[in-house]
Amino acid sequence: MEYHHSFGFDSVKRSNIQILDKNTIIYASGTTYTIYNFFTNEAQLFFSRDRGGIGSIAVHPNKKYFAVAEKGQYPNIYIY
């Protein structure tokens, strides 16, 4: 199978949509997270690195960094 598209996001997760800058948001959906730019209408899709799914996302208050936490018994947290 080949991945085609994520048709939404997990609305049950707390703070699942985060603002990266005035034109860009980040949100998680299943085993992916998306960075979407409203100005250019461009969406960058990223898959879970550990293949367990995305547990949560967070953005640093200065908007310079964001973190993606995986799901699992001992999940990794990746800071970008």
C-alpha atoms as a PDB file:
ATOM      1  CA  MET A   1       0.000   0.000   0.000  1.00  0.00           C
ATOM      2  CA  GLU A   2       0.993   3.590  -0.504  1.00  0.00           C
ATOM      3  CA  TYR A   3       0.034   6.500   1.728  1.00  0.00           C
ATOM      4  CA  HIS A   4      -2.329   8.891  -0.053  1.00  0.00           C
ATOM      5  CA  HIS A   5      -3.721  11.520   2.312  1.00  0.00           C
ATOM      6  CA  SER A   6      -4.778  12.212   5.857  1.00  0.00           C
ATOM      7  CA  PHE A   7      -8.326  13.531   5.815  1.00  0.00           C
ATOM      8  CA  GLY A   8      -8.347  15.172   9.220  1.00  0.00           C
ATOM      9  CA  PHE A   9      -6.782  15.300  12.613  1.00  0.00           C
ATOM     10  CA  ASP A  10      -7.412  13.824  16.027  1.00  0.00           C
ATOM     11  CA  SER A  11      -9.786  16.311  17.642  1.00  0.00           C
ATOM     12  CA  VAL A  12      -9.827  14.391  20.939  1.00  0.00           C
ATOM     13  CA  LYS A  13      -6.132  15.127  21.656  1.00  0.00           C
ATOM     14  CA  ARG A  14      -5.484  18.203  23.744  1.00  0.00           C
ATOM     15  CA  SER A  15      -3.700  21.048  21.971  1.00  0.00           C
ATOM     16  CA  ASN A  16      -3.407  19.042  18.762  1.00  0.00           C
ATOM     17  CA  ILE A  17      -3.204  22.175  16.577  1.00  0.00           C
ATOM     18  CA  GLN A  18      -0.274  24.462  17.326  1.00  0.00           C
ATOM     19  CA  ILE A  19       0.752  27.744  15.681  1.00  0.00           C
ATOM     20  CA  LEU A  20       4.321  27.858  14.329  1.00  0.00           C
ATOM     21  CA  ASP A  21       4.150  31.399  12.908  1.00  0.00           C
ATOM     22  CA  LYS A  22       1.547  33.803  11.526  1.00  0.00           C
ATOM     23  CA  ASN A  23       1.015  31.642   8.407  1.00  0.00           C
ATOM     24  CA  THR A  24       1.821  28.120   9.616  1.00  0.00           C
ATOM     25  CA  ILE A  25       0.268  25.501  11.887  1.00  0.00           C
ATOM     26  CA  ILE A  26       1.283  22.001  12.918  1.00  0.00           C
ATOM     27  CA  TYR A  27      -1.112  19.170  13.783  1.00  0.00           C
ATOM     28  CA  ALA A  28      -1.014  15.404  14.314  1.00  0.00           C
ATOM     29  CA  SER A  29      -3.176  12.771  12.665  1.00  0.00           C
ATOM     30  CA  GLY A  30      -2.599   9.090  13.449  1.00  0.00           C
ATOM     31  CA  THR A  31       0.943   8.145  12.481  1.00  0.00           C
ATOM     32  CA  THR A  32       1.658  11.479  10.798  1.00  0.00           C
ATOM     33  CA  TYR A  33       2.028  15.137  11.590  1.00  0.00           C
ATOM     34  CA  THR A  34       1.502  17.946   9.120  1.00  0.00           C
ATOM     35  CA  ILE A  35       2.965  21.417   8.831  1.00  0.00           C
ATOM     36  CA  TYR A  36       0.497  23.534   6.874  1.00  0.00           C
ATOM     37  CA  ASN A  37       1.110  27.028   5.497  1.00  0.00           C
ATOM     38  CA  PHE A  38      -2.093  29.023   4.901  1.00  0.00           C
ATOM     39  CA  PHE A  39      -0.332  31.648   2.776  1.00  0.00           C
ATOM     40  CA  THR A  40       1.135  29.209   0.218  1.00  0.00           C
ATOM     41  CA  ASN A  41      -1.461  26.443   0.765  1.00  0.00           C
ATOM     42  CA  GLU A  42       1.465  24.014   1.118  1.00  0.00           C
ATOM     43  CA  ALA A  43       1.277  20.994   3.415  1.00  0.00           C
ATOM     44  CA  GLN A  44       4.374  19.066   4.470  1.00  0.00           C
ATOM     45  CA  LEU A  45       3.598  15.574   5.756  1.00  0.00           C
ATOM     46  CA  PHE A  46       5.939  13.733   8.137  1.00  0.00           C
ATOM     47  CA  PHE A  47       5.551  10.148   9.333  1.00  0.00           C
ATOM     48  CA  SER A  48       6.125   8.828  12.845  1.00  0.00           C
ATOM     49  CA  ARG A  49       9.825   7.932  13.103  1.00  0.00           C
ATOM     50  CA  ASP A  50       9.235   4.951  15.396  1.00  0.00           C
ATOM     51  CA  ARG A  51       6.050   3.812  13.601  1.00  0.00           C
ATOM     52  CA  GLY A  52       3.948   3.818  16.773  1.00  0.00           C
ATOM     53  CA  GLY A  53       2.011   6.978  16.026  1.00  0.00           C
ATOM     54  CA  ILE A  54       2.169  10.540  17.294  1.00  0.00           C
ATOM     55  CA  GLY A  55       1.322  10.966  20.970  1.00  0.00           C
ATOM     56  CA  SER A  56       1.519  14.750  21.141  1.00  0.00           C
ATOM     57  CA  ILE A  57       3.110  17.869  19.696  1.00  0.00           C
ATOM     58  CA  ALA A  58       4.289  21.055  21.386  1.00  0.00           C
ATOM     59  CA  VAL A  59       5.762  24.355  20.237  1.00  0.00           C
ATOM     60  CA  HIS A  60       8.262  26.418  22.208  1.00  0.00           C
ATOM     61  CA  PRO A  61       6.885  29.867  23.175  1.00  0.00           C
ATOM     62  CA  ASN A  62       9.417  31.630  20.902  1.00  0.00           C
ATOM     63  CA  LYS A  63       8.134  29.473  17.973  1.00  0.00           C
ATOM     64  CA  LYS A  64      11.708  28.529  17.023  1.00  0.00           C
ATOM     65  CA  TYR A  65      11.425  24.861  18.088  1.00  0.00           C
ATOM     66  CA  PHE A  66       8.739  22.211  18.178  1.00  0.00           C
ATOM     67  CA  ALA A  67       8.623  18.725  19.683  1.00  0.00           C
ATOM     68  CA  VAL A  68       6.931  15.563  18.483  1.00  0.00           C
ATOM     69  CA  ALA A  69       6.350  12.800  21.034  1.00  0.00           C
ATOM     70  CA  GLU A  70       5.828   9.264  19.788  1.00  0.00           C
ATOM     71  CA  LYS A  71       3.418   6.705  21.264  1.00  0.00           C
ATOM     72  CA  GLY A  72       4.531   3.562  23.052  1.00  0.00           C
ATOM     73  CA  GLN A  73       5.697   2.163  26.370  1.00  0.00           C
ATOM     74  CA  TYR A  74       8.950   4.195  26.305  1.00  0.00           C
ATOM     75  CA  PRO A  75       8.263   6.777  23.586  1.00  0.00           C
ATOM     76  CA  ASN A  76      10.924   8.995  22.100  1.00  0.00           C
ATOM     77  CA  ILE A  77      10.535  12.763  21.885  1.00  0.00           C
ATOM     78  CA  TYR A  78      12.043  14.521  18.865  1.00  0.00           C
ATOM     79  CA  ILE A  79      12.834  18.230  19.021  1.00  0.00           C
ATOM     80  CA  TYR A  80      13.114  20.177  15.767  1.00  0.00           C
END
